[in-house]
Amino acid sequence: MTDLARNRLTPILITFGIVLLTAAYLLWIGREPICKCGHVKLWHGEVVSSENSQHLTDWYTPSHIIHGFLFFGALWLVARRLALGWRLAIATLVECAWEIVENSDAVIERYRAVTISLDYYGDSVINTVCDVLAMILGFWLASKLPVWATVALILLFEGVTMWVIRDGLALNVLMLLYPLDGVATWQAAR
């Protein structure tokens, strides 16, 4: 194997390892591997449901694609000399760290206390892995698309999820960090 091939393969293997370690950790702390319902769906579209965030994709998948767009942009700004593979490894590490924090008892309780996610008990491990893969897809798309197209996709994803489920990445962050009664009332009216 040439040095060039090794240099390109190493960050990919590290990225894969980060995802595997995250899944292993979530299993170790007792997160469900798949939905307690006993099966895995490609898509689960009912947000107010005990099966939300339990299957491969759901209404929050676009948020994770947006994470990839944002991580690509941020790393392009601060580390553009770093090879794309290494920037992807960093983005994956950040996404996986968030997934671990998001699935901690403290954050799950915070979601249940201040958002409309009363039935939220954490993501299944398969959903977490697919969320990370969605971020990787977003990162890859951002590396290929012009900036205007990436921004348009962010606006489209946020607009559609706000319209259909009255939620999205921006509202999710807002309600987790600074919950507003008016937003909670609007979200509950779906």
N, C-alpha and C. Protein backbone atom coordinates (compact mmCIF):
# COMPACT_ATOMS: atom_id res chain seq x y z
N MET A 1 0.84 -1.17 0.00
CA MET A 1 0.00 0.00 0.00
C MET A 1 0.89 1.24 0.00
N THR A 2 0.57 2.16 -0.87
CA THR A 2 1.38 3.38 -0.95
C THR A 2 1.05 4.30 0.22
N ASP A 3 1.95 5.25 0.46
CA ASP A 3 1.72 6.22 1.52
C ASP A 3 0.46 7.04 1.25
N LEU A 4 0.23 7.39 -0.01
CA LEU A 4 -0.95 8.17 -0.36
C LEU A 4 -2.23 7.40 -0.04
N ALA A 5 -2.27 6.11 -0.40
CA ALA A 5 -3.45 5.28 -0.11
C ALA A 5 -3.63 5.13 1.39
N ARG A 6 -2.54 4.93 2.12
CA ARG A 6 -2.61 4.80 3.57
C ARG A 6 -3.10 6.10 4.20
N ASN A 7 -2.63 7.24 3.70
CA ASN A 7 -3.06 8.52 4.23
C ASN A 7 -4.55 8.79 3.98
N ARG A 8 -5.08 8.26 2.89
CA ARG A 8 -6.51 8.43 2.61
C ARG A 8 -7.37 7.42 3.36
N LEU A 9 -6.84 6.23 3.59
CA LEU A 9 -7.59 5.17 4.25
C LEU A 9 -7.65 5.36 5.76
N THR A 10 -6.59 5.88 6.36
CA THR A 10 -6.53 6.02 7.81
C THR A 10 -7.70 6.83 8.38
N PRO A 11 -8.01 8.03 7.86
CA PRO A 11 -9.14 8.76 8.46
C PRO A 11 -10.49 8.07 8.24
N ILE A 12 -10.62 7.33 7.15
CA ILE A 12 -11.86 6.59 6.91
C ILE A 12 -12.01 5.49 7.94
N LEU A 13 -10.95 4.77 8.21
CA LEU A 13 -10.99 3.72 9.23
C LEU A 13 -11.25 4.30 10.62
N ILE A 14 -10.65 5.44 10.90
CA ILE A 14 -10.88 6.10 12.19
C ILE A 14 -12.33 6.54 12.30
N THR A 15 -12.88 7.09 11.23
CA THR A 15 -14.29 7.50 11.22
C THR A 15 -15.19 6.30 11.49
N PHE A 16 -14.93 5.20 10.81
CA PHE A 16 -15.70 3.97 11.02
C PHE A 16 -15.56 3.49 12.46
N GLY A 17 -14.36 3.56 13.00
CA GLY A 17 -14.11 3.15 14.39
C GLY A 17 -14.86 4.02 15.39
N ILE A 18 -14.93 5.32 15.13
CA ILE A 18 -15.67 6.24 16.01
C ILE A 18 -17.14 5.84 16.06
N VAL A 19 -17.71 5.53 14.90
CA VAL A 19 -19.13 5.13 14.84
C VAL A 19 -19.33 3.82 15.61
N LEU A 20 -18.46 2.86 15.39
CA LEU A 20 -18.57 1.57 16.09
C LEU A 20 -18.43 1.73 17.60
N LEU A 21 -17.47 2.54 18.04
CA LEU A 21 -17.29 2.76 19.48
C LEU A 21 -18.50 3.45 20.09
N THR A 22 -19.08 4.37 19.36
CA THR A 22 -20.28 5.05 19.85
C THR A 22 -21.42 4.06 20.03
N ALA A 23 -21.64 3.22 19.02
CA ALA A 23 -22.70 2.20 19.11
C ALA A 23 -22.44 1.26 20.28
N ALA A 24 -21.19 0.83 20.43
CA ALA A 24 -20.84 -0.07 21.53
C ALA A 24 -21.09 0.59 22.89
N TYR A 25 -20.72 1.86 23.01
CA TYR A 25 -20.93 2.57 24.27
C TYR A 25 -22.43 2.67 24.58
N LEU A 26 -23.23 3.04 23.58
CA LEU A 26 -24.67 3.17 23.82
C LEU A 26 -25.29 1.83 24.21
N LEU A 27 -24.84 0.75 23.60
CA LEU A 27 -25.31 -0.57 24.02
C LEU A 27 -24.88 -0.86 25.46
N TRP A 28 -23.66 -0.51 25.79
CA TRP A 28 -23.11 -0.76 27.12
C TRP A 28 -23.89 -0.01 28.21
N ILE A 29 -24.36 1.22 27.91
CA ILE A 29 -25.12 1.98 28.92
C ILE A 29 -26.60 1.61 28.93
N GLY A 30 -26.99 0.66 28.09
CA GLY A 30 -28.35 0.14 28.16
C GLY A 30 -29.34 0.68 27.15
N ARG A 31 -28.87 1.40 26.14
CA ARG A 31 -29.79 1.87 25.10
C ARG A 31 -30.27 0.67 24.29
N GLU A 32 -31.49 0.76 23.82
CA GLU A 32 -32.08 -0.33 23.02
C GLU A 32 -31.36 -0.44 21.68
N PRO A 33 -31.01 -1.64 21.24
CA PRO A 33 -30.36 -1.77 19.93
C PRO A 33 -31.30 -1.39 18.79
N ILE A 34 -32.55 -1.83 18.87
CA ILE A 34 -33.58 -1.48 17.89
C ILE A 34 -34.84 -1.12 18.66
N CYS A 35 -35.85 -0.72 17.94
CA CYS A 35 -37.13 -0.36 18.54
C CYS A 35 -37.64 -1.50 19.43
N LYS A 36 -38.19 -1.16 20.59
CA LYS A 36 -38.78 -2.17 21.47
C LYS A 36 -39.94 -2.89 20.81
N CYS A 37 -40.46 -2.30 19.72
CA CYS A 37 -41.56 -2.93 18.99
C CYS A 37 -41.11 -4.22 18.31
N GLY A 38 -39.80 -4.43 18.20
CA GLY A 38 -39.27 -5.68 17.68
C GLY A 38 -38.95 -5.71 16.20
N HIS A 39 -39.16 -4.62 15.50
CA HIS A 39 -38.82 -4.60 14.08
C HIS A 39 -38.17 -3.26 13.73
N VAL A 40 -37.58 -3.22 12.54
CA VAL A 40 -36.89 -2.01 12.08
C VAL A 40 -37.57 -1.53 10.80
N LYS A 41 -37.96 -0.26 10.80
CA LYS A 41 -38.55 0.35 9.61
C LYS A 41 -37.52 1.27 8.96
N LEU A 42 -37.61 1.38 7.64
CA LEU A 42 -36.77 2.34 6.93
C LEU A 42 -37.16 3.76 7.34
N TRP A 43 -38.45 4.02 7.49
CA TRP A 43 -38.97 5.37 7.82
C TRP A 43 -40.06 5.24 8.86
N HIS A 44 -40.01 6.09 9.86
CA HIS A 44 -41.11 6.21 10.82
C HIS A 44 -41.48 7.67 10.88
N GLY A 45 -42.67 8.01 10.42
CA GLY A 45 -43.06 9.41 10.28
C GLY A 45 -43.94 9.97 11.36
N GLU A 46 -44.30 9.18 12.34
CA GLU A 46 -45.16 9.67 13.42
C GLU A 46 -44.28 10.20 14.56
N VAL A 47 -44.30 11.51 14.74
CA VAL A 47 -43.39 12.14 15.71
C VAL A 47 -43.84 11.87 17.14
N VAL A 48 -45.09 12.06 17.43
CA VAL A 48 -45.59 11.85 18.79
C VAL A 48 -45.90 10.36 18.92
N SER A 49 -44.85 9.61 19.19
CA SER A 49 -44.95 8.16 19.18
C SER A 49 -43.76 7.58 19.95
N SER A 50 -43.98 6.47 20.62
CA SER A 50 -42.88 5.81 21.32
C SER A 50 -41.87 5.21 20.34
N GLU A 51 -42.24 5.14 19.05
CA GLU A 51 -41.32 4.61 18.04
C GLU A 51 -40.49 5.70 17.37
N ASN A 52 -40.73 6.97 17.72
CA ASN A 52 -39.93 8.04 17.13
C ASN A 52 -38.48 7.91 17.60
N SER A 53 -37.55 8.13 16.70
CA SER A 53 -36.10 8.00 16.96
C SER A 53 -35.71 6.56 17.30
N GLN A 54 -36.48 5.61 16.81
CA GLN A 54 -36.20 4.19 17.07
C GLN A 54 -35.87 3.42 15.79
N HIS A 55 -36.21 3.97 14.65
CA HIS A 55 -36.03 3.27 13.38
C HIS A 55 -34.90 3.92 12.58
N LEU A 56 -34.70 3.50 11.34
CA LEU A 56 -33.55 3.97 10.56
C LEU A 56 -33.63 5.47 10.28
N THR A 57 -34.78 5.95 9.81
CA THR A 57 -34.93 7.37 9.51
C THR A 57 -36.27 7.86 10.03
N ASP A 58 -36.34 9.18 10.23
CA ASP A 58 -37.56 9.80 10.72
C ASP A 58 -37.49 11.29 10.37
N TRP A 59 -38.40 12.06 10.92
CA TRP A 59 -38.44 13.49 10.60
C TRP A 59 -37.23 14.25 11.10
N TYR A 60 -36.42 13.64 11.96
CA TYR A 60 -35.22 14.32 12.46
C TYR A 60 -33.97 13.98 11.64
N THR A 61 -34.09 13.07 10.69
CA THR A 61 -32.95 12.76 9.82
C THR A 61 -32.44 13.99 9.07
N PRO A 62 -33.32 14.85 8.52
CA PRO A 62 -32.80 16.05 7.85
C PRO A 62 -31.94 16.93 8.77
N SER A 63 -32.26 16.96 10.06
CA SER A 63 -31.44 17.74 11.00
C SER A 63 -30.01 17.23 11.03
N HIS A 64 -29.86 15.94 10.94
CA HIS A 64 -28.51 15.36 10.98
C HIS A 64 -27.77 15.61 9.67
N ILE A 65 -28.49 15.64 8.57
CA ILE A 65 -27.87 16.03 7.30
C ILE A 65 -27.38 17.48 7.41
N ILE A 66 -28.20 18.33 8.02
CA ILE A 66 -27.79 19.72 8.24
C ILE A 66 -26.56 19.79 9.13
N HIS A 67 -26.47 18.93 10.15
CA HIS A 67 -25.25 18.88 10.96
C HIS A 67 -24.03 18.71 10.05
N GLY A 68 -24.14 17.78 9.10
CA GLY A 68 -23.03 17.55 8.17
C GLY A 68 -22.69 18.78 7.37
N PHE A 69 -23.70 19.49 6.89
CA PHE A 69 -23.46 20.75 6.16
C PHE A 69 -22.72 21.74 7.05
N LEU A 70 -23.21 21.89 8.29
CA LEU A 70 -22.62 22.87 9.20
C LEU A 70 -21.20 22.49 9.61
N PHE A 71 -20.98 21.20 9.88
CA PHE A 71 -19.63 20.77 10.25
C PHE A 71 -18.66 20.96 9.09
N PHE A 72 -19.12 20.64 7.87
CA PHE A 72 -18.26 20.86 6.71
C PHE A 72 -17.88 22.34 6.62
N GLY A 73 -18.87 23.22 6.73
CA GLY A 73 -18.61 24.65 6.63
C GLY A 73 -17.68 25.15 7.73
N ALA A 74 -17.94 24.73 8.96
CA ALA A 74 -17.10 25.17 10.08
C ALA A 74 -15.67 24.68 9.92
N LEU A 75 -15.51 23.42 9.53
CA LEU A 75 -14.15 22.88 9.38
C LEU A 75 -13.46 23.45 8.14
N TRP A 76 -14.21 23.82 7.13
CA TRP A 76 -13.62 24.49 5.98
C TRP A 76 -13.06 25.85 6.42
N LEU A 77 -13.79 26.52 7.31
CA LEU A 77 -13.34 27.83 7.79
C LEU A 77 -12.09 27.74 8.66
N VAL A 78 -12.04 26.76 9.56
CA VAL A 78 -10.95 26.72 10.54
C VAL A 78 -9.86 25.71 10.23
N ALA A 79 -10.12 24.76 9.33
CA ALA A 79 -9.12 23.70 9.09
C ALA A 79 -9.09 23.28 7.63
N ARG A 80 -9.24 24.22 6.71
CA ARG A 80 -9.35 23.84 5.30
C ARG A 80 -8.08 23.19 4.76
N ARG A 81 -6.94 23.38 5.41
CA ARG A 81 -5.70 22.73 4.95
C ARG A 81 -5.65 21.26 5.35
N LEU A 82 -6.47 20.89 6.29
CA LEU A 82 -6.54 19.49 6.72
C LEU A 82 -7.26 18.69 5.63
N ALA A 83 -6.80 17.51 5.35
CA ALA A 83 -7.41 16.66 4.32
C ALA A 83 -8.88 16.42 4.64
N LEU A 84 -9.68 16.29 3.60
CA LEU A 84 -11.12 16.10 3.75
C LEU A 84 -11.44 14.91 4.66
N GLY A 85 -10.72 13.82 4.52
CA GLY A 85 -10.96 12.64 5.35
C GLY A 85 -10.78 12.92 6.83
N TRP A 86 -9.77 13.71 7.17
CA TRP A 86 -9.55 14.06 8.57
C TRP A 86 -10.62 15.01 9.09
N ARG A 87 -11.07 15.91 8.22
CA ARG A 87 -12.17 16.79 8.63
C ARG A 87 -13.44 15.97 8.86
N LEU A 88 -13.68 14.96 8.03
CA LEU A 88 -14.82 14.08 8.24
C LEU A 88 -14.69 13.33 9.57
N ALA A 89 -13.49 12.86 9.88
CA ALA A 89 -13.28 12.15 11.16
C ALA A 89 -13.61 13.08 12.34
N ILE A 90 -13.18 14.33 12.25
CA ILE A 90 -13.47 15.30 13.32
C ILE A 90 -14.98 15.53 13.41
N ALA A 91 -15.63 15.73 12.27
CA ALA A 91 -17.09 15.95 12.26
C ALA A 91 -17.81 14.74 12.86
N THR A 92 -17.36 13.55 12.53
CA THR A 92 -17.98 12.33 13.05
C THR A 92 -17.77 12.24 14.56
N LEU A 93 -16.60 12.60 15.03
CA LEU A 93 -16.33 12.60 16.46
C LEU A 93 -17.28 13.56 17.19
N VAL A 94 -17.47 14.76 16.63
CA VAL A 94 -18.38 15.74 17.24
C VAL A 94 -19.82 15.22 17.21
N GLU A 95 -20.25 14.68 16.08
CA GLU A 95 -21.61 14.15 15.98
C GLU A 95 -21.83 13.00 16.95
N CYS A 96 -20.86 12.11 17.05
CA CYS A 96 -20.99 10.98 17.97
C CYS A 96 -20.98 11.44 19.42
N ALA A 97 -20.16 12.43 19.73
CA ALA A 97 -20.17 12.99 21.09
C ALA A 97 -21.55 13.55 21.42
N TRP A 98 -22.15 14.28 20.45
CA TRP A 98 -23.50 14.80 20.67
C TRP A 98 -24.49 13.66 20.88
N GLU A 99 -24.40 12.62 20.07
CA GLU A 99 -25.33 11.49 20.20
C GLU A 99 -25.22 10.84 21.57
N ILE A 100 -24.01 10.75 22.10
CA ILE A 100 -23.82 10.18 23.44
C ILE A 100 -24.45 11.10 24.49
N VAL A 101 -24.20 12.41 24.36
CA VAL A 101 -24.79 13.38 25.30
C VAL A 101 -26.31 13.36 25.17
N GLU A 102 -26.81 13.38 23.94
CA GLU A 102 -28.26 13.40 23.70
C GLU A 102 -28.94 12.19 24.31
N ASN A 103 -28.26 11.08 24.38
CA ASN A 103 -28.83 9.86 24.93
C ASN A 103 -28.48 9.64 26.39
N SER A 104 -27.97 10.67 27.04
CA SER A 104 -27.74 10.59 28.49
C SER A 104 -29.06 10.82 29.21
N ASP A 105 -29.18 10.29 30.40
CA ASP A 105 -30.42 10.45 31.16
C ASP A 105 -30.75 11.92 31.39
N ALA A 106 -29.75 12.75 31.64
CA ALA A 106 -29.99 14.17 31.92
C ALA A 106 -30.60 14.88 30.72
N VAL A 107 -30.08 14.63 29.52
CA VAL A 107 -30.61 15.31 28.34
C VAL A 107 -31.97 14.74 27.95
N ILE A 108 -32.14 13.44 28.09
CA ILE A 108 -33.45 12.84 27.81
C ILE A 108 -34.51 13.47 28.71
N GLU A 109 -34.20 13.60 29.99
CA GLU A 109 -35.14 14.24 30.91
C GLU A 109 -35.38 15.70 30.56
N ARG A 110 -34.35 16.39 30.09
CA ARG A 110 -34.51 17.79 29.67
C ARG A 110 -35.46 17.87 28.48
N TYR A 111 -35.27 17.00 27.48
CA TYR A 111 -36.18 16.96 26.34
C TYR A 111 -37.62 16.75 26.80
N ARG A 112 -37.80 15.80 27.71
CA ARG A 112 -39.14 15.47 28.16
C ARG A 112 -39.75 16.61 28.98
N ALA A 113 -38.92 17.38 29.68
CA ALA A 113 -39.42 18.45 30.53
C ALA A 113 -39.77 19.72 29.76
N VAL A 114 -39.00 20.06 28.73
CA VAL A 114 -39.16 21.38 28.11
C VAL A 114 -39.60 21.35 26.65
N THR A 115 -39.77 20.17 26.08
CA THR A 115 -40.23 20.09 24.70
C THR A 115 -41.51 19.27 24.66
N ILE A 116 -42.02 19.08 23.46
CA ILE A 116 -43.24 18.28 23.31
C ILE A 116 -42.92 16.79 23.25
N SER A 117 -41.67 16.41 23.49
CA SER A 117 -41.23 15.02 23.37
C SER A 117 -41.47 14.25 24.67
N LEU A 118 -42.71 14.17 25.11
CA LEU A 118 -43.02 13.53 26.38
C LEU A 118 -42.75 12.03 26.36
N ASP A 119 -42.86 11.41 25.19
CA ASP A 119 -42.62 9.97 25.08
C ASP A 119 -41.20 9.63 24.66
N TYR A 120 -40.30 10.61 24.73
CA TYR A 120 -38.93 10.38 24.30
C TYR A 120 -38.14 9.70 25.41
N TYR A 121 -37.58 8.55 25.09
CA TYR A 121 -36.76 7.80 26.05
C TYR A 121 -35.37 7.53 25.52
N GLY A 122 -34.94 8.31 24.54
CA GLY A 122 -33.64 8.13 23.93
C GLY A 122 -33.77 7.42 22.59
N ASP A 123 -32.71 7.56 21.79
CA ASP A 123 -32.68 6.92 20.48
C ASP A 123 -32.28 5.46 20.61
N SER A 124 -32.76 4.63 19.70
CA SER A 124 -32.22 3.28 19.61
C SER A 124 -30.81 3.40 19.03
N VAL A 125 -30.02 2.38 19.22
CA VAL A 125 -28.64 2.40 18.70
C VAL A 125 -28.66 2.44 17.18
N ILE A 126 -29.56 1.70 16.55
CA ILE A 126 -29.63 1.70 15.08
C ILE A 126 -30.00 3.08 14.57
N ASN A 127 -30.88 3.80 15.28
CA ASN A 127 -31.25 5.15 14.88
C ASN A 127 -30.06 6.09 15.04
N THR A 128 -29.32 5.93 16.13
CA THR A 128 -28.13 6.76 16.34
C THR A 128 -27.12 6.56 15.22
N VAL A 129 -26.85 5.32 14.86
CA VAL A 129 -25.90 5.04 13.78
C VAL A 129 -26.40 5.67 12.48
N CYS A 130 -27.69 5.55 12.20
CA CYS A 130 -28.23 6.15 10.98
C CYS A 130 -28.19 7.68 11.04
N ASP A 131 -28.36 8.26 12.22
CA ASP A 131 -28.22 9.71 12.37
C ASP A 131 -26.79 10.14 12.03
N VAL A 132 -25.81 9.38 12.49
CA VAL A 132 -24.41 9.70 12.18
C VAL A 132 -24.16 9.53 10.69
N LEU A 133 -24.72 8.48 10.09
CA LEU A 133 -24.57 8.28 8.64
C LEU A 133 -25.23 9.42 7.87
N ALA A 134 -26.34 9.95 8.37
CA ALA A 134 -26.98 11.11 7.74
C ALA A 134 -26.07 12.33 7.82
N MET A 135 -25.39 12.51 8.95
CA MET A 135 -24.44 13.62 9.07
C MET A 135 -23.31 13.44 8.05
N ILE A 136 -22.82 12.20 7.91
CA ILE A 136 -21.75 11.93 6.95
C ILE A 136 -22.24 12.24 5.52
N LEU A 137 -23.47 11.87 5.22
CA LEU A 137 -24.05 12.19 3.91
C LEU A 137 -24.08 13.71 3.71
N GLY A 138 -24.52 14.45 4.72
CA GLY A 138 -24.55 15.90 4.63
C GLY A 138 -23.17 16.49 4.44
N PHE A 139 -22.20 15.96 5.15
CA PHE A 139 -20.81 16.42 5.01
C PHE A 139 -20.33 16.20 3.59
N TRP A 140 -20.59 14.99 3.05
CA TRP A 140 -20.17 14.66 1.69
C TRP A 140 -20.87 15.56 0.68
N LEU A 141 -22.19 15.74 0.85
CA LEU A 141 -22.93 16.62 -0.07
C LEU A 141 -22.36 18.03 -0.06
N ALA A 142 -22.07 18.54 1.14
CA ALA A 142 -21.52 19.90 1.25
C ALA A 142 -20.17 20.00 0.56
N SER A 143 -19.42 18.90 0.53
CA SER A 143 -18.12 18.93 -0.14
C SER A 143 -18.26 18.95 -1.66
N LYS A 144 -19.43 18.56 -2.17
CA LYS A 144 -19.66 18.47 -3.61
C LYS A 144 -20.52 19.61 -4.16
N LEU A 145 -21.44 20.12 -3.36
CA LEU A 145 -22.40 21.11 -3.83
C LEU A 145 -21.87 22.54 -3.69
N PRO A 146 -22.35 23.44 -4.51
CA PRO A 146 -22.02 24.85 -4.28
C PRO A 146 -22.68 25.33 -2.99
N VAL A 147 -22.12 26.37 -2.40
CA VAL A 147 -22.62 26.88 -1.13
C VAL A 147 -24.11 27.23 -1.23
N TRP A 148 -24.51 27.87 -2.32
CA TRP A 148 -25.91 28.27 -2.45
C TRP A 148 -26.84 27.07 -2.39
N ALA A 149 -26.44 25.93 -2.95
CA ALA A 149 -27.28 24.73 -2.95
C ALA A 149 -27.37 24.15 -1.54
N THR A 150 -26.26 24.19 -0.82
CA THR A 150 -26.26 23.70 0.57
C THR A 150 -27.18 24.56 1.42
N VAL A 151 -27.08 25.87 1.27
CA VAL A 151 -27.95 26.79 2.02
C VAL A 151 -29.41 26.55 1.65
N ALA A 152 -29.67 26.36 0.36
CA ALA A 152 -31.05 26.10 -0.09
C ALA A 152 -31.59 24.81 0.53
N LEU A 153 -30.75 23.77 0.60
CA LEU A 153 -31.18 22.51 1.22
C LEU A 153 -31.46 22.69 2.71
N ILE A 154 -30.63 23.48 3.39
CA ILE A 154 -30.88 23.74 4.81
C ILE A 154 -32.25 24.40 4.98
N LEU A 155 -32.50 25.43 4.18
CA LEU A 155 -33.79 26.14 4.27
C LEU A 155 -34.95 25.22 3.91
N LEU A 156 -34.77 24.38 2.89
CA LEU A 156 -35.81 23.43 2.50
C LEU A 156 -36.09 22.43 3.63
N PHE A 157 -35.04 21.81 4.16
CA PHE A 157 -35.21 20.82 5.23
C PHE A 157 -35.87 21.43 6.46
N GLU A 158 -35.40 22.60 6.87
CA GLU A 158 -35.98 23.26 8.04
C GLU A 158 -37.42 23.68 7.76
N GLY A 159 -37.66 24.25 6.58
CA GLY A 159 -39.01 24.69 6.24
C GLY A 159 -40.00 23.54 6.21
N VAL A 160 -39.63 22.44 5.57
CA VAL A 160 -40.54 21.30 5.46
C VAL A 160 -40.80 20.69 6.84
N THR A 161 -39.78 20.50 7.65
CA THR A 161 -40.01 19.89 8.96
C THR A 161 -40.81 20.82 9.87
N MET A 162 -40.57 22.14 9.77
CA MET A 162 -41.38 23.07 10.56
C MET A 162 -42.83 23.04 10.10
N TRP A 163 -43.05 22.95 8.81
CA TRP A 163 -44.40 22.94 8.27
C TRP A 163 -45.13 21.64 8.62
N VAL A 164 -44.45 20.50 8.46
CA VAL A 164 -45.11 19.21 8.64
C VAL A 164 -45.20 18.81 10.11
N ILE A 165 -44.11 18.95 10.88
CA ILE A 165 -44.14 18.45 12.26
C ILE A 165 -43.95 19.55 13.31
N ARG A 166 -43.87 20.81 12.86
CA ARG A 166 -43.67 21.94 13.76
C ARG A 166 -42.42 21.78 14.62
N ASP A 167 -41.37 21.30 13.98
CA ASP A 167 -40.09 21.13 14.65
C ASP A 167 -39.00 21.16 13.60
N GLY A 168 -37.78 21.07 14.00
CA GLY A 168 -36.64 21.09 13.11
C GLY A 168 -35.40 21.37 13.95
N LEU A 169 -34.27 21.49 13.31
CA LEU A 169 -33.02 21.69 14.04
C LEU A 169 -33.04 22.98 14.84
N ALA A 170 -33.42 24.09 14.21
CA ALA A 170 -33.41 25.38 14.90
C ALA A 170 -34.36 25.38 16.09
N LEU A 171 -35.58 24.88 15.89
CA LEU A 171 -36.54 24.84 17.00
C LEU A 171 -36.11 23.86 18.09
N ASN A 172 -35.51 22.76 17.69
CA ASN A 172 -35.04 21.77 18.65
C ASN A 172 -33.98 22.37 19.56
N VAL A 173 -33.03 23.08 18.97
CA VAL A 173 -31.97 23.72 19.75
C VAL A 173 -32.56 24.81 20.65
N LEU A 174 -33.43 25.63 20.07
CA LEU A 174 -34.07 26.69 20.86
C LEU A 174 -34.79 26.13 22.08
N MET A 175 -35.61 25.12 21.85
CA MET A 175 -36.42 24.58 22.95
C MET A 175 -35.59 23.81 23.96
N LEU A 176 -34.48 23.26 23.54
CA LEU A 176 -33.61 22.57 24.50
C LEU A 176 -32.86 23.56 25.38
N LEU A 177 -32.39 24.66 24.77
CA LEU A 177 -31.57 25.63 25.50
C LEU A 177 -32.39 26.75 26.16
N TYR A 178 -33.43 27.20 25.48
CA TYR A 178 -34.20 28.33 25.97
C TYR A 178 -35.67 28.13 25.61
N PRO A 179 -36.35 27.24 26.34
CA PRO A 179 -37.73 26.91 25.98
C PRO A 179 -38.67 28.12 26.10
N LEU A 180 -39.51 28.28 25.10
CA LEU A 180 -40.49 29.36 25.07
C LEU A 180 -41.89 28.75 25.10
N ASP A 181 -42.72 29.25 25.99
CA ASP A 181 -44.08 28.72 26.12
C ASP A 181 -44.86 28.85 24.82
N GLY A 182 -44.71 29.98 24.12
CA GLY A 182 -45.43 30.18 22.87
C GLY A 182 -45.05 29.16 21.81
N VAL A 183 -43.77 28.82 21.73
CA VAL A 183 -43.33 27.81 20.76
C VAL A 183 -43.86 26.44 21.17
N ALA A 184 -43.80 26.13 22.45
CA ALA A 184 -44.29 24.84 22.93
C ALA A 184 -45.79 24.69 22.64
N THR A 185 -46.55 25.76 22.84
CA THR A 185 -47.99 25.73 22.57
C THR A 185 -48.23 25.52 21.07
N TRP A 186 -47.48 26.23 20.23
CA TRP A 186 -47.62 26.09 18.78
C TRP A 186 -47.28 24.67 18.35
N GLN A 187 -46.18 24.11 18.90
CA GLN A 187 -45.78 22.75 18.54
C GLN A 187 -46.82 21.72 18.97
N ALA A 188 -47.41 21.92 20.13
CA ALA A 188 -48.39 20.96 20.66
C ALA A 188 -49.69 20.97 19.87
N ALA A 189 -49.93 21.99 19.07
CA ALA A 189 -51.19 22.13 18.33
C ALA A 189 -51.22 21.33 17.04
N ARG A 190 -50.21 20.49 16.78
CA ARG A 190 -50.20 19.76 15.51
C ARG A 190 -51.30 18.77 15.38
